């Protein structure tokens, strides 16, 4: 599965942006999806998770209340809406997918078999 992220860029603190993740040759409705990020000098960290139907979502505490993960299976796209961003949100954001993600380990990168190339988000203060 080839995942492609888009929507990154430079945004001012307090602003918003929407990241998208799509796959050209596979139907994402068959996959549970996650967003992760890696900031400079830091480990990759979990951001958000959404199940196949979109009925279940989880968030990292650092983004809860500011970020929203959603999916439009008709458009074969998963989104990450980021509001009220801060410089601490600066990172490369990756979407990830797997046909099965153990519920208790949704925040673990090893649960996901497929990854995009990432999109850079830079938040200026």
PDB file of N, CA and C in Angstrom:
ATOM      1  N   UNK A   1       0.857  -1.187   0.000  1.00  0.00           N
ATOM      2  CA  UNK A   1       0.000   0.000   0.000  1.00  0.00           C
ATOM      3  C   UNK A   1       0.891   1.234   0.000  1.00  0.00           C
ATOM      4  N   UNK A   2       0.707   2.079  -0.971  1.00  0.00           N
ATOM      5  CA  UNK A   2       1.476   3.330  -1.032  1.00  0.00           C
ATOM      6  C   UNK A   2       0.616   4.458  -0.507  1.00  0.00           C
ATOM      7  N   UNK A   3       1.054   5.032   0.600  1.00  0.00           N
ATOM      8  CA  UNK A   3       0.338   6.134   1.223  1.00  0.00           C
ATOM      9  C   UNK A   3       1.020   7.443   0.855  1.00  0.00           C
ATOM     10  N   UNK A   4       0.222   8.455   0.590  1.00  0.00           N
ATOM     11  CA  UNK A   4       0.766   9.754   0.211  1.00  0.00           C
ATOM     12  C   UNK A   4       0.115  10.830   1.069  1.00  0.00           C
ATOM     13  N   UNK A   5       0.946  11.541   1.831  1.00  0.00           N
ATOM     14  CA  UNK A   5       0.462  12.640   2.643  1.00  0.00           C
ATOM     15  C   UNK A   5       0.584  13.955   1.871  1.00  0.00           C
ATOM     16  N   UNK A   6      -0.272  14.885   2.234  1.00  0.00           N
ATOM     17  CA  UNK A   6      -0.197  16.233   1.669  1.00  0.00           C
ATOM     18  C   UNK A   6      -0.809  17.199   2.671  1.00  0.00           C
ATOM     19  N   UNK A   7      -0.596  18.483   2.413  1.00  0.00           N
ATOM     20  CA  UNK A   7      -1.210  19.503   3.254  1.00  0.00           C
ATOM     21  C   UNK A   7      -0.284  20.164   4.243  1.00  0.00           C
ATOM     22  N   UNK A   8       0.953  19.695   4.327  1.00  0.00           N
ATOM     23  CA  UNK A   8       1.880  20.319   5.239  1.00  0.00           C
ATOM     24  C   UNK A   8       2.332  21.679   4.728  1.00  0.00           C
ATOM     25  N   UNK A   9       3.064  22.381   5.577  1.00  0.00           N
ATOM     26  CA  UNK A   9       3.578  23.681   5.192  1.00  0.00           C
ATOM     27  C   UNK A   9       3.923  24.508   6.400  1.00  0.00           C
ATOM     28  N   UNK A  10       4.054  25.794   6.167  1.00  0.00           N
ATOM     29  CA  UNK A  10       4.392  26.752   7.213  1.00  0.00           C
ATOM     30  C   UNK A  10       3.115  27.449   7.680  1.00  0.00           C
ATOM     31  N   UNK A  11       2.909  27.447   8.990  1.00  0.00           N
ATOM     32  CA  UNK A  11       1.723  28.080   9.558  1.00  0.00           C
ATOM     33  C   UNK A  11       2.119  28.814  10.820  1.00  0.00           C
ATOM     34  N   UNK A  12       1.451  29.897  11.112  1.00  0.00           N
ATOM     35  CA  UNK A  12       1.736  30.661  12.326  1.00  0.00           C
ATOM     36  C   UNK A  12       1.080  29.994  13.534  1.00  0.00           C
ATOM     37  N   UNK A  13       1.694  30.203  14.674  1.00  0.00           N
ATOM     38  CA  UNK A  13       1.118  29.688  15.913  1.00  0.00           C
ATOM     39  C   UNK A  13      -0.314  30.191  16.066  1.00  0.00           C
ATOM     40  N   UNK A  14      -1.184  29.287  16.484  1.00  0.00           N
ATOM     41  CA  UNK A  14      -2.596  29.618  16.601  1.00  0.00           C
ATOM     42  C   UNK A  14      -3.398  29.351  15.348  1.00  0.00           C
ATOM     43  N   UNK A  15      -2.711  29.057  14.279  1.00  0.00           N
ATOM     44  CA  UNK A  15      -3.385  28.794  13.010  1.00  0.00           C
ATOM     45  C   UNK A  15      -3.823  27.349  12.866  1.00  0.00           C
ATOM     46  N   UNK A  16      -4.286  27.032  11.672  1.00  0.00           N
ATOM     47  CA  UNK A  16      -4.815  25.694  11.402  1.00  0.00           C
ATOM     48  C   UNK A  16      -4.303  25.184  10.064  1.00  0.00           C
ATOM     49  N   UNK A  17      -4.319  23.866   9.944  1.00  0.00           N
ATOM     50  CA  UNK A  17      -4.070  23.254   8.649  1.00  0.00           C
ATOM     51  C   UNK A  17      -4.678  21.866   8.657  1.00  0.00           C
ATOM     52  N   UNK A  18      -4.890  21.340   7.468  1.00  0.00           N
ATOM     53  CA  UNK A  18      -5.466  20.003   7.342  1.00  0.00           C
ATOM     54  C   UNK A  18      -4.538  19.128   6.513  1.00  0.00           C
ATOM     55  N   UNK A  19      -4.118  18.050   7.087  1.00  0.00           N
ATOM     56  CA  UNK A  19      -3.307  17.068   6.389  1.00  0.00           C
ATOM     57  C   UNK A  19      -4.216  16.000   5.792  1.00  0.00           C
ATOM     58  N   UNK A  20      -3.799  15.497   4.644  1.00  0.00           N
ATOM     59  CA  UNK A  20      -4.547  14.437   3.978  1.00  0.00           C
ATOM     60  C   UNK A  20      -3.635  13.259   3.708  1.00  0.00           C
ATOM     61  N   UNK A  21      -4.228  12.084   3.685  1.00  0.00           N
ATOM     62  CA  UNK A  21      -3.500  10.858   3.379  1.00  0.00           C
ATOM     63  C   UNK A  21      -4.365  10.028   2.450  1.00  0.00           C
ATOM     64  N   UNK A  22      -3.809   9.643   1.336  1.00  0.00           N
ATOM     65  CA  UNK A  22      -4.568   8.852   0.389  1.00  0.00           C
ATOM     66  C   UNK A  22      -3.696   7.742  -0.169  1.00  0.00           C
ATOM     67  N   UNK A  23      -4.338   6.785  -0.808  1.00  0.00           N
ATOM     68  CA  UNK A  23      -3.627   5.677  -1.437  1.00  0.00           C
ATOM     69  C   UNK A  23      -4.180   5.512  -2.842  1.00  0.00           C
ATOM     70  N   UNK A  24      -3.301   5.368  -3.798  1.00  0.00           N
ATOM     71  CA  UNK A  24      -3.749   5.355  -5.186  1.00  0.00           C
ATOM     72  C   UNK A  24      -4.262   4.001  -5.645  1.00  0.00           C
ATOM     73  N   UNK A  25      -3.729   2.927  -5.084  1.00  0.00           N
ATOM     74  CA  UNK A  25      -4.055   1.610  -5.622  1.00  0.00           C
ATOM     75  C   UNK A  25      -4.756   0.698  -4.630  1.00  0.00           C
ATOM     76  N   UNK A  26      -5.094   1.210  -3.459  1.00  0.00           N
ATOM     77  CA  UNK A  26      -5.763   0.388  -2.463  1.00  0.00           C
ATOM     78  C   UNK A  26      -6.897   1.168  -1.830  1.00  0.00           C
ATOM     79  N   UNK A  27      -7.884   0.426  -1.350  1.00  0.00           N
ATOM     80  CA  UNK A  27      -9.022   1.048  -0.706  1.00  0.00           C
ATOM     81  C   UNK A  27      -8.739   1.179   0.776  1.00  0.00           C
ATOM     82  N   UNK A  28      -8.633   2.410   1.238  1.00  0.00           N
ATOM     83  CA  UNK A  28      -8.272   2.651   2.626  1.00  0.00           C
ATOM     84  C   UNK A  28      -9.359   2.222   3.607  1.00  0.00           C
ATOM     85  N   UNK A  29     -10.561   2.000   3.134  1.00  0.00           N
ATOM     86  CA  UNK A  29     -11.627   1.573   4.036  1.00  0.00           C
ATOM     87  C   UNK A  29     -11.341   0.213   4.652  1.00  0.00           C
ATOM     88  N   UNK A  30     -10.392  -0.512   4.102  1.00  0.00           N
ATOM     89  CA  UNK A  30     -10.014  -1.817   4.644  1.00  0.00           C
ATOM     90  C   UNK A  30      -8.941  -1.718   5.717  1.00  0.00           C
ATOM     91  N   UNK A  31      -8.509  -0.495   6.013  1.00  0.00           N
ATOM     92  CA  UNK A  31      -7.380  -0.292   6.910  1.00  0.00           C
ATOM     93  C   UNK A  31      -7.723   0.611   8.085  1.00  0.00           C
ATOM     94  N   UNK A  32      -7.194   0.223   9.234  1.00  0.00           N
ATOM     95  CA  UNK A  32      -7.148   1.159  10.347  1.00  0.00           C
ATOM     96  C   UNK A  32      -5.988   2.115  10.084  1.00  0.00           C
ATOM     97  N   UNK A  33      -6.157   3.365  10.471  1.00  0.00           N
ATOM     98  CA  UNK A  33      -5.184   4.390  10.099  1.00  0.00           C
ATOM     99  C   UNK A  33      -4.683   5.136  11.329  1.00  0.00           C
ATOM    100  N   UNK A  34      -3.447   5.555  11.236  1.00  0.00           N
ATOM    101  CA  UNK A  34      -2.875   6.370  12.298  1.00  0.00           C
ATOM    102  C   UNK A  34      -2.079   7.522  11.727  1.00  0.00           C
ATOM    103  N   UNK A  35      -1.946   8.567  12.511  1.00  0.00           N
ATOM    104  CA  UNK A  35      -1.029   9.670  12.212  1.00  0.00           C
ATOM    105  C   UNK A  35       0.042   9.674  13.302  1.00  0.00           C
ATOM    106  N   UNK A  36       1.275   9.801  12.863  1.00  0.00           N
ATOM    107  CA  UNK A  36       2.423   9.922  13.762  1.00  0.00           C
ATOM    108  C   UNK A  36       3.220  11.143  13.332  1.00  0.00           C
ATOM    109  N   UNK A  37       4.140  11.563  14.183  1.00  0.00           N
ATOM    110  CA  UNK A  37       4.999  12.679  13.823  1.00  0.00           C
ATOM    111  C   UNK A  37       6.363  12.493  14.437  1.00  0.00           C
ATOM    112  N   UNK A  38       7.354  13.117  13.791  1.00  0.00           N
ATOM    113  CA  UNK A  38       8.708  13.103  14.313  1.00  0.00           C
ATOM    114  C   UNK A  38       9.255  14.517  14.263  1.00  0.00           C
ATOM    115  N   UNK A  39       9.522  15.048  15.426  1.00  0.00           N
ATOM    116  CA  UNK A  39      10.114  16.372  15.534  1.00  0.00           C
ATOM    117  C   UNK A  39      11.634  16.251  15.465  1.00  0.00           C
ATOM    118  N   UNK A  40      12.313  17.320  15.103  1.00  0.00           N
ATOM    119  CA  UNK A  40      13.778  17.267  15.019  1.00  0.00           C
ATOM    120  C   UNK A  40      14.399  16.818  16.338  1.00  0.00           C
ATOM    121  N   UNK A  41      15.239  15.810  16.286  1.00  0.00           N
ATOM    122  CA  UNK A  41      15.933  15.337  17.468  1.00  0.00           C
ATOM    123  C   UNK A  41      15.092  14.493  18.405  1.00  0.00           C
ATOM    124  N   UNK A  42      13.882  14.151  17.991  1.00  0.00           N
ATOM    125  CA  UNK A  42      13.008  13.386  18.869  1.00  0.00           C
ATOM    126  C   UNK A  42      12.577  12.080  18.188  1.00  0.00           C
ATOM    127  N   UNK A  43      12.050  11.186  19.008  1.00  0.00           N
ATOM    128  CA  UNK A  43      11.523   9.934  18.490  1.00  0.00           C
ATOM    129  C   UNK A  43      10.178  10.169  17.806  1.00  0.00           C
ATOM    130  N   UNK A  44       9.834   9.244  16.938  1.00  0.00           N
ATOM    131  CA  UNK A  44       8.506   9.286  16.329  1.00  0.00           C
ATOM    132  C   UNK A  44       7.453   9.086  17.412  1.00  0.00           C
ATOM    133  N   UNK A  45       6.395   9.858  17.354  1.00  0.00           N
ATOM    134  CA  UNK A  45       5.372   9.750  18.379  1.00  0.00           C
ATOM    135  C   UNK A  45       3.975   9.670  17.753  1.00  0.00           C
ATOM    136  N   UNK A  46       3.107   9.002  18.469  1.00  0.00           N
ATOM    137  CA  UNK A  46       1.722   8.835  18.052  1.00  0.00           C
ATOM    138  C   UNK A  46       0.988  10.166  18.150  1.00  0.00           C
ATOM    139  N   UNK A  47       0.095  10.404  17.177  1.00  0.00           N
ATOM    140  CA  UNK A  47      -0.733  11.598  17.186  1.00  0.00           C
ATOM    141  C   UNK A  47      -2.222  11.224  17.288  1.00  0.00           C
ATOM    142  N   UNK A  48      -2.690  10.373  16.357  1.00  0.00           N
ATOM    143  CA  UNK A  48      -4.123  10.055  16.327  1.00  0.00           C
ATOM    144  C   UNK A  48      -4.345   8.739  15.605  1.00  0.00           C
ATOM    145  N   UNK A  49      -5.481   8.123  15.916  1.00  0.00           N
ATOM    146  CA  UNK A  49      -5.869   6.836  15.327  1.00  0.00           C
ATOM    147  C   UNK A  49      -7.353   6.888  14.970  1.00  0.00           C
ATOM    148  N   UNK A  50      -7.686   6.162  13.885  1.00  0.00           N
ATOM    149  CA  UNK A  50      -9.083   6.016  13.515  1.00  0.00           C
ATOM    150  C   UNK A  50      -9.299   4.605  12.990  1.00  0.00           C
ATOM    151  N   UNK A  51     -10.414   4.011  13.361  1.00  0.00           N
ATOM    152  CA  UNK A  51     -10.664   2.646  12.913  1.00  0.00           C
ATOM    153  C   UNK A  51     -11.263   2.651  11.501  1.00  0.00           C
ATOM    154  N   UNK A  52     -11.619   1.470  11.008  1.00  0.00           N
ATOM    155  CA  UNK A  52     -12.047   1.306   9.632  1.00  0.00           C
ATOM    156  C   UNK A  52     -13.228   2.194   9.272  1.00  0.00           C
ATOM    157  N   UNK A  53     -14.206   2.215  10.129  1.00  0.00           N
ATOM    158  CA  UNK A  53     -15.443   2.930   9.818  1.00  0.00           C
ATOM    159  C   UNK A  53     -15.423   4.383  10.242  1.00  0.00           C
ATOM    160  N   UNK A  54     -14.458   4.730  11.076  1.00  0.00           N
ATOM    161  CA  UNK A  54     -14.417   6.083  11.617  1.00  0.00           C
ATOM    162  C   UNK A  54     -15.176   6.236  12.920  1.00  0.00           C
ATOM    163  N   UNK A  55     -15.683   5.128  13.448  1.00  0.00           N
ATOM    164  CA  UNK A  55     -16.499   5.199  14.657  1.00  0.00           C
ATOM    165  C   UNK A  55     -15.661   5.303  15.931  1.00  0.00           C
ATOM    166  N   UNK A  56     -14.373   4.975  15.833  1.00  0.00           N
ATOM    167  CA  UNK A  56     -13.489   5.012  17.004  1.00  0.00           C
ATOM    168  C   UNK A  56     -12.249   5.821  16.680  1.00  0.00           C
ATOM    169  N   UNK A  57     -11.933   6.769  17.555  1.00  0.00           N
ATOM    170  CA  UNK A  57     -10.727   7.580  17.410  1.00  0.00           C
ATOM    171  C   UNK A  57     -10.021   7.695  18.753  1.00  0.00           C
ATOM    172  N   UNK A  58      -8.703   7.826  18.673  1.00  0.00           N
ATOM    173  CA  UNK A  58      -7.885   8.059  19.851  1.00  0.00           C
ATOM    174  C   UNK A  58      -6.883   9.169  19.525  1.00  0.00           C
ATOM    175  N   UNK A  59      -6.470   9.891  20.564  1.00  0.00           N
ATOM    176  CA  UNK A  59      -5.539  10.994  20.381  1.00  0.00           C
ATOM    177  C   UNK A  59      -4.458  10.975  21.451  1.00  0.00           C
ATOM    178  N   UNK A  60      -3.308  11.483  21.074  1.00  0.00           N
ATOM    179  CA  UNK A  60      -2.278  11.747  22.069  1.00  0.00           C
ATOM    180  C   UNK A  60      -2.750  12.898  22.953  1.00  0.00           C
ATOM    181  N   UNK A  61      -2.356  12.861  24.201  1.00  0.00           N
ATOM    182  CA  UNK A  61      -2.769  13.919  25.126  1.00  0.00           C
ATOM    183  C   UNK A  61      -2.326  15.291  24.640  1.00  0.00           C
ATOM    184  N   UNK A  62      -1.188  15.346  23.967  1.00  0.00           N
ATOM    185  CA  UNK A  62      -0.633  16.628  23.533  1.00  0.00           C
ATOM    186  C   UNK A  62      -1.462  17.312  22.455  1.00  0.00           C
ATOM    187  N   UNK A  63      -2.325  16.562  21.767  1.00  0.00           N
ATOM    188  CA  UNK A  63      -3.113  17.153  20.682  1.00  0.00           C
ATOM    189  C   UNK A  63      -4.605  17.084  20.948  1.00  0.00           C
ATOM    190  N   UNK A  64      -4.987  16.398  22.004  1.00  0.00           N
ATOM    191  CA  UNK A  64      -6.405  16.216  22.297  1.00  0.00           C
ATOM    192  C   UNK A  64      -7.092  17.576  22.439  1.00  0.00           C
ATOM    193  N   UNK A  65      -8.234  17.724  21.785  1.00  0.00           N
ATOM    194  CA  UNK A  65      -8.968  18.982  21.817  1.00  0.00           C
ATOM    195  C   UNK A  65      -8.536  19.970  20.757  1.00  0.00           C
ATOM    196  N   UNK A  66      -7.401  19.704  20.099  1.00  0.00           N
ATOM    197  CA  UNK A  66      -6.913  20.608  19.045  1.00  0.00           C
ATOM    198  C   UNK A  66      -6.901  19.928  17.675  1.00  0.00           C
ATOM    199  N   UNK A  67      -6.604  18.637  17.648  1.00  0.00           N
ATOM    200  CA  UNK A  67      -6.514  17.893  16.395  1.00  0.00           C
ATOM    201  C   UNK A  67      -7.722  16.966  16.272  1.00  0.00           C
ATOM    202  N   UNK A  68      -8.133  16.737  15.029  1.00  0.00           N
ATOM    203  CA  UNK A  68      -9.235  15.821  14.752  1.00  0.00           C
ATOM    204  C   UNK A  68      -8.869  14.926  13.580  1.00  0.00           C
ATOM    205  N   UNK A  69      -8.953  13.633  13.796  1.00  0.00           N
ATOM    206  CA  UNK A  69      -8.743  12.670  12.714  1.00  0.00           C
ATOM    207  C   UNK A  69     -10.104  12.260  12.171  1.00  0.00           C
ATOM    208  N   UNK A  70     -10.178  12.131  10.862  1.00  0.00           N
ATOM    209  CA  UNK A  70     -11.425  11.706  10.226  1.00  0.00           C
ATOM    210  C   UNK A  70     -11.087  10.982   8.938  1.00  0.00           C
ATOM    211  N   UNK A  71     -12.091  10.357   8.376  1.00  0.00           N
ATOM    212  CA  UNK A  71     -11.863   9.672   7.113  1.00  0.00           C
ATOM    213  C   UNK A  71     -13.105   9.781   6.238  1.00  0.00           C
ATOM    214  N   UNK A  72     -12.841   9.844   4.955  1.00  0.00           N
ATOM    215  CA  UNK A  72     -13.911   9.819   3.961  1.00  0.00           C
ATOM    216  C   UNK A  72     -13.603   8.638   3.052  1.00  0.00           C
ATOM    217  N   UNK A  73     -14.215   7.519   3.346  1.00  0.00           N
ATOM    218  CA  UNK A  73     -13.906   6.314   2.590  1.00  0.00           C
ATOM    219  C   UNK A  73     -14.347   6.423   1.128  1.00  0.00           C
ATOM    220  N   UNK A  74     -15.332   7.233   0.865  1.00  0.00           N
ATOM    221  CA  UNK A  74     -15.755   7.426  -0.522  1.00  0.00           C
ATOM    222  C   UNK A  74     -14.669   8.134  -1.333  1.00  0.00           C
ATOM    223  N   UNK A  75     -13.890   8.981  -0.643  1.00  0.00           N
ATOM    224  CA  UNK A  75     -12.790   9.695  -1.294  1.00  0.00           C
ATOM    225  C   UNK A  75     -11.455   9.006  -1.058  1.00  0.00           C
ATOM    226  N   UNK A  76     -11.508   7.882  -0.316  1.00  0.00           N
ATOM    227  CA  UNK A  76     -10.278   7.129  -0.062  1.00  0.00           C
ATOM    228  C   UNK A  76      -9.217   7.986   0.613  1.00  0.00           C
ATOM    229  N   UNK A  77      -9.651   8.794   1.567  1.00  0.00           N
ATOM    230  CA  UNK A  77      -8.761   9.769   2.183  1.00  0.00           C
ATOM    231  C   UNK A  77      -8.980   9.804   3.695  1.00  0.00           C
ATOM    232  N   UNK A  78      -7.885   9.945   4.409  1.00  0.00           N
ATOM    233  CA  UNK A  78      -7.911  10.165   5.846  1.00  0.00           C
ATOM    234  C   UNK A  78      -7.335  11.548   6.106  1.00  0.00           C
ATOM    235  N   UNK A  79      -7.934  12.264   7.048  1.00  0.00           N
ATOM    236  CA  UNK A  79      -7.543  13.638   7.320  1.00  0.00           C
ATOM    237  C   UNK A  79      -7.053  13.799   8.759  1.00  0.00           C
ATOM    238  N   UNK A  80      -6.232  14.805   8.947  1.00  0.00           N
ATOM    239  CA  UNK A  80      -5.866  15.259  10.273  1.00  0.00           C
ATOM    240  C   UNK A  80      -6.021  16.778  10.281  1.00  0.00           C
ATOM    241  N   UNK A  81      -7.059  17.230  10.946  1.00  0.00           N
ATOM    242  CA  UNK A  81      -7.297  18.667  11.097  1.00  0.00           C
ATOM    243  C   UNK A  81      -6.567  19.134  12.346  1.00  0.00           C
ATOM    244  N   UNK A  82      -5.675  20.071  12.169  1.00  0.00           N
ATOM    245  CA  UNK A  82      -4.886  20.583  13.276  1.00  0.00           C
ATOM    246  C   UNK A  82      -5.248  22.039  13.507  1.00  0.00           C
ATOM    247  N   UNK A  83      -5.802  22.335  14.667  1.00  0.00           N
ATOM    248  CA  UNK A  83      -6.195  23.700  15.028  1.00  0.00           C
ATOM    249  C   UNK A  83      -5.350  24.206  16.190  1.00  0.00           C
ATOM    250  N   UNK A  84      -5.270  25.513  16.295  1.00  0.00           N
ATOM    251  CA  UNK A  84      -4.534  26.139  17.394  1.00  0.00           C
ATOM    252  C   UNK A  84      -3.139  25.526  17.553  1.00  0.00           C
ATOM    253  N   UNK A  85      -2.431  25.442  16.457  1.00  0.00           N
ATOM    254  CA  UNK A  85      -1.111  24.792  16.482  1.00  0.00           C
ATOM    255  C   UNK A  85      -0.105  25.664  17.223  1.00  0.00           C
ATOM    256  N   UNK A  86       0.901  25.008  17.758  1.00  0.00           N
ATOM    257  CA  UNK A  86       1.980  25.670  18.481  1.00  0.00           C
ATOM    258  C   UNK A  86       3.316  25.254  17.863  1.00  0.00           C
ATOM    259  N   UNK A  87       4.390  25.968  18.181  1.00  0.00           N
ATOM    260  CA  UNK A  87       5.712  25.564  17.649  1.00  0.00           C
ATOM    261  C   UNK A  87       6.070  24.125  18.020  1.00  0.00           C
ATOM    262  N   UNK A  88       5.523  23.625  19.128  1.00  0.00           N
ATOM    263  CA  UNK A  88       5.802  22.245  19.533  1.00  0.00           C
ATOM    264  C   UNK A  88       5.164  21.223  18.586  1.00  0.00           C
ATOM    265  N   UNK A  89       4.283  21.654  17.715  1.00  0.00           N
ATOM    266  CA  UNK A  89       3.689  20.763  16.721  1.00  0.00           C
ATOM    267  C   UNK A  89       4.551  20.641  15.464  1.00  0.00           C
ATOM    268  N   UNK A  90       5.629  21.396  15.392  1.00  0.00           N
ATOM    269  CA  UNK A  90       6.530  21.310  14.248  1.00  0.00           C
ATOM    270  C   UNK A  90       7.135  19.914  14.156  1.00  0.00           C
ATOM    271  N   UNK A  91       6.951  19.271  13.016  1.00  0.00           N
ATOM    272  CA  UNK A  91       7.425  17.895  12.846  1.00  0.00           C
ATOM    273  C   UNK A  91       7.121  17.444  11.421  1.00  0.00           C
ATOM    274  N   UNK A  92       7.680  16.309  11.071  1.00  0.00           N
ATOM    275  CA  UNK A  92       7.242  15.602   9.866  1.00  0.00           C
ATOM    276  C   UNK A  92       6.100  14.691  10.291  1.00  0.00           C
ATOM    277  N   UNK A  93       4.990  14.796   9.602  1.00  0.00           N
ATOM    278  CA  UNK A  93       3.810  14.015   9.933  1.00  0.00           C
ATOM    279  C   UNK A  93       3.663  12.862   8.941  1.00  0.00           C
ATOM    280  N   UNK A  94       3.426  11.692   9.495  1.00  0.00           N
ATOM    281  CA  UNK A  94       3.286  10.483   8.692  1.00  0.00           C
ATOM    282  C   UNK A  94       1.925   9.842   8.917  1.00  0.00           C
ATOM    283  N   UNK A  95       1.325   9.357   7.840  1.00  0.00           N
ATOM    284  CA  UNK A  95       0.165   8.509   8.036  1.00  0.00           C
ATOM    285  C   UNK A  95       0.609   7.057   7.916  1.00  0.00           C
ATOM    286  N   UNK A  96      -0.120   6.190   8.586  1.00  0.00           N
ATOM    287  CA  UNK A  96       0.221   4.781   8.635  1.00  0.00           C
ATOM    288  C   UNK A  96      -1.049   3.948   8.582  1.00  0.00           C
ATOM    289  N   UNK A  97      -0.921   2.725   8.092  1.00  0.00           N
ATOM    290  CA  UNK A  97      -2.098   1.880   7.899  1.00  0.00           C
ATOM    291  C   UNK A  97      -1.787   0.432   8.200  1.00  0.00           C
ATOM    292  N   UNK A  98      -2.810  -0.275   8.611  1.00  0.00           N
ATOM    293  CA  UNK A  98      -2.719  -1.713   8.718  1.00  0.00           C
ATOM    294  C   UNK A  98      -4.128  -2.294   8.664  1.00  0.00           C
ATOM    295  N   UNK A  99      -4.211  -3.522   8.209  1.00  0.00           N
ATOM    296  CA  UNK A  99      -5.523  -4.169   8.135  1.00  0.00           C
ATOM    297  C   UNK A  99      -6.048  -4.533   9.515  1.00  0.00           C
ATOM    298  N   UNK A 100      -5.136  -4.643  10.480  1.00  0.00           N
ATOM    299  CA  UNK A 100      -5.553  -4.950  11.845  1.00  0.00           C
ATOM    300  C   UNK A 100      -4.615  -4.274  12.818  1.00  0.00           C
ATOM    301  N   UNK A 101      -5.186  -3.567  13.765  1.00  0.00           N
ATOM    302  CA  UNK A 101      -4.416  -2.918  14.820  1.00  0.00           C
ATOM    303  C   UNK A 101      -5.000  -3.361  16.154  1.00  0.00           C
ATOM    304  N   UNK A 102      -4.183  -4.008  16.961  1.00  0.00           N
ATOM    305  CA  UNK A 102      -4.635  -4.417  18.288  1.00  0.00           C
ATOM    306  C   UNK A 102      -5.064  -3.188  19.078  1.00  0.00           C
ATOM    307  N   UNK A 103      -6.251  -3.237  19.625  1.00  0.00           N
ATOM    308  CA  UNK A 103      -6.864  -2.055  20.232  1.00  0.00           C
ATOM    309  C   UNK A 103      -5.953  -1.374  21.261  1.00  0.00           C
ATOM    310  N   UNK A 104      -5.339  -2.151  22.119  1.00  0.00           N
ATOM    311  CA  UNK A 104      -4.553  -1.538  23.190  1.00  0.00           C
ATOM    312  C   UNK A 104      -3.227  -0.969  22.694  1.00  0.00           C
ATOM    313  N   UNK A 105      -2.841  -1.300  21.459  1.00  0.00           N
ATOM    314  CA  UNK A 105      -1.546  -0.855  20.940  1.00  0.00           C
ATOM    315  C   UNK A 105      -1.687   0.099  19.757  1.00  0.00           C
ATOM    316  N   UNK A 106      -2.783   0.806  19.677  1.00  0.00           N
ATOM    317  CA  UNK A 106      -3.027   1.688  18.532  1.00  0.00           C
ATOM    318  C   UNK A 106      -1.971   2.780  18.418  1.00  0.00           C
ATOM    319  N   UNK A 107      -1.278   3.074  19.515  1.00  0.00           N
ATOM    320  CA  UNK A 107      -0.286   4.151  19.503  1.00  0.00           C
ATOM    321  C   UNK A 107       1.139   3.636  19.258  1.00  0.00           C
ATOM    322  N   UNK A 108       1.253   2.394  18.901  1.00  0.00           N
ATOM    323  CA  UNK A 108       2.569   1.772  18.712  1.00  0.00           C
ATOM    324  C   UNK A 108       2.906   1.691  17.231  1.00  0.00           C
ATOM    325  N   UNK A 109       4.000   2.295  16.787  1.00  0.00           N
ATOM    326  CA  UNK A 109       4.349   2.261  15.357  1.00  0.00           C
ATOM    327  C   UNK A 109       4.443   0.854  14.780  1.00  0.00           C
ATOM    328  N   UNK A 110       4.886  -0.089  15.576  1.00  0.00           N
ATOM    329  CA  UNK A 110       5.060  -1.453  15.072  1.00  0.00           C
ATOM    330  C   UNK A 110       3.739  -2.111  14.667  1.00  0.00           C
ATOM    331  N   UNK A 111       2.627  -1.534  15.083  1.00  0.00           N
ATOM    332  CA  UNK A 111       1.322  -2.083  14.714  1.00  0.00           C
ATOM    333  C   UNK A 111       0.955  -1.785  13.260  1.00  0.00           C
ATOM    334  N   UNK A 112       1.677  -0.881  12.646  1.00  0.00           N
ATOM    335  CA  UNK A 112       1.325  -0.421  11.306  1.00  0.00           C
ATOM    336  C   UNK A 112       2.334  -0.925  10.295  1.00  0.00           C
ATOM    337  N   UNK A 113       1.842  -1.527   9.236  1.00  0.00           N
ATOM    338  CA  UNK A 113       2.723  -2.106   8.227  1.00  0.00           C
ATOM    339  C   UNK A 113       3.062  -1.148   7.100  1.00  0.00           C
ATOM    340  N   UNK A 114       2.243  -0.143   6.894  1.00  0.00           N
ATOM    341  CA  UNK A 114       2.401   0.732   5.733  1.00  0.00           C
ATOM    342  C   UNK A 114       2.511   2.180   6.185  1.00  0.00           C
ATOM    343  N   UNK A 115       3.463   2.889   5.580  1.00  0.00           N
ATOM    344  CA  UNK A 115       3.757   4.259   5.964  1.00  0.00           C
ATOM    345  C   UNK A 115       3.905   5.134   4.737  1.00  0.00           C
ATOM    346  N   UNK A 116       3.481   6.385   4.887  1.00  0.00           N
ATOM    347  CA  UNK A 116       3.748   7.363   3.849  1.00  0.00           C
ATOM    348  C   UNK A 116       5.131   7.953   3.995  1.00  0.00           C
ATOM    349  N   UNK A 117       5.458   8.861   3.094  1.00  0.00           N
ATOM    350  CA  UNK A 117       6.797   9.464   3.087  1.00  0.00           C
ATOM    351  C   UNK A 117       6.892  10.654   4.030  1.00  0.00           C
ATOM    352  N   UNK A 118       5.752  11.135   4.485  1.00  0.00           N
ATOM    353  CA  UNK A 118       5.731  12.229   5.434  1.00  0.00           C
ATOM    354  C   UNK A 118       5.523  13.580   4.777  1.00  0.00           C
ATOM    355  N   UNK A 119       4.966  14.492   5.550  1.00  0.00           N
ATOM    356  CA  UNK A 119       4.806  15.872   5.108  1.00  0.00           C
ATOM    357  C   UNK A 119       5.226  16.790   6.239  1.00  0.00           C
ATOM    358  N   UNK A 120       6.005  17.795   5.902  1.00  0.00           N
ATOM    359  CA  UNK A 120       6.583  18.685   6.911  1.00  0.00           C
ATOM    360  C   UNK A 120       5.556  19.736   7.341  1.00  0.00           C
ATOM    361  N   UNK A 121       5.433  19.880   8.640  1.00  0.00           N
ATOM    362  CA  UNK A 121       4.632  20.954   9.226  1.00  0.00           C
ATOM    363  C   UNK A 121       5.559  21.802  10.078  1.00  0.00           C
ATOM    364  N   UNK A 122       5.597  23.091   9.787  1.00  0.00           N
ATOM    365  CA  UNK A 122       6.424  24.012  10.544  1.00  0.00           C
ATOM    366  C   UNK A 122       5.541  25.110  11.098  1.00  0.00           C
ATOM    367  N   UNK A 123       5.580  25.283  12.412  1.00  0.00           N
ATOM    368  CA  UNK A 123       4.773  26.300  13.073  1.00  0.00           C
ATOM    369  C   UNK A 123       5.690  27.397  13.570  1.00  0.00           C
ATOM    370  N   UNK A 124       5.460  28.609  13.106  1.00  0.00           N
ATOM    371  CA  UNK A 124       6.281  29.744  13.524  1.00  0.00           C
ATOM    372  C   UNK A 124       5.641  30.439  14.715  1.00  0.00           C
ATOM    373  N   UNK A 125       6.499  30.957  15.582  1.00  0.00           N
ATOM    374  CA  UNK A 125       5.995  31.621  16.791  1.00  0.00           C
ATOM    375  C   UNK A 125       5.772  33.099  16.556  1.00  0.00           C
TER     376      UNK A 125
END
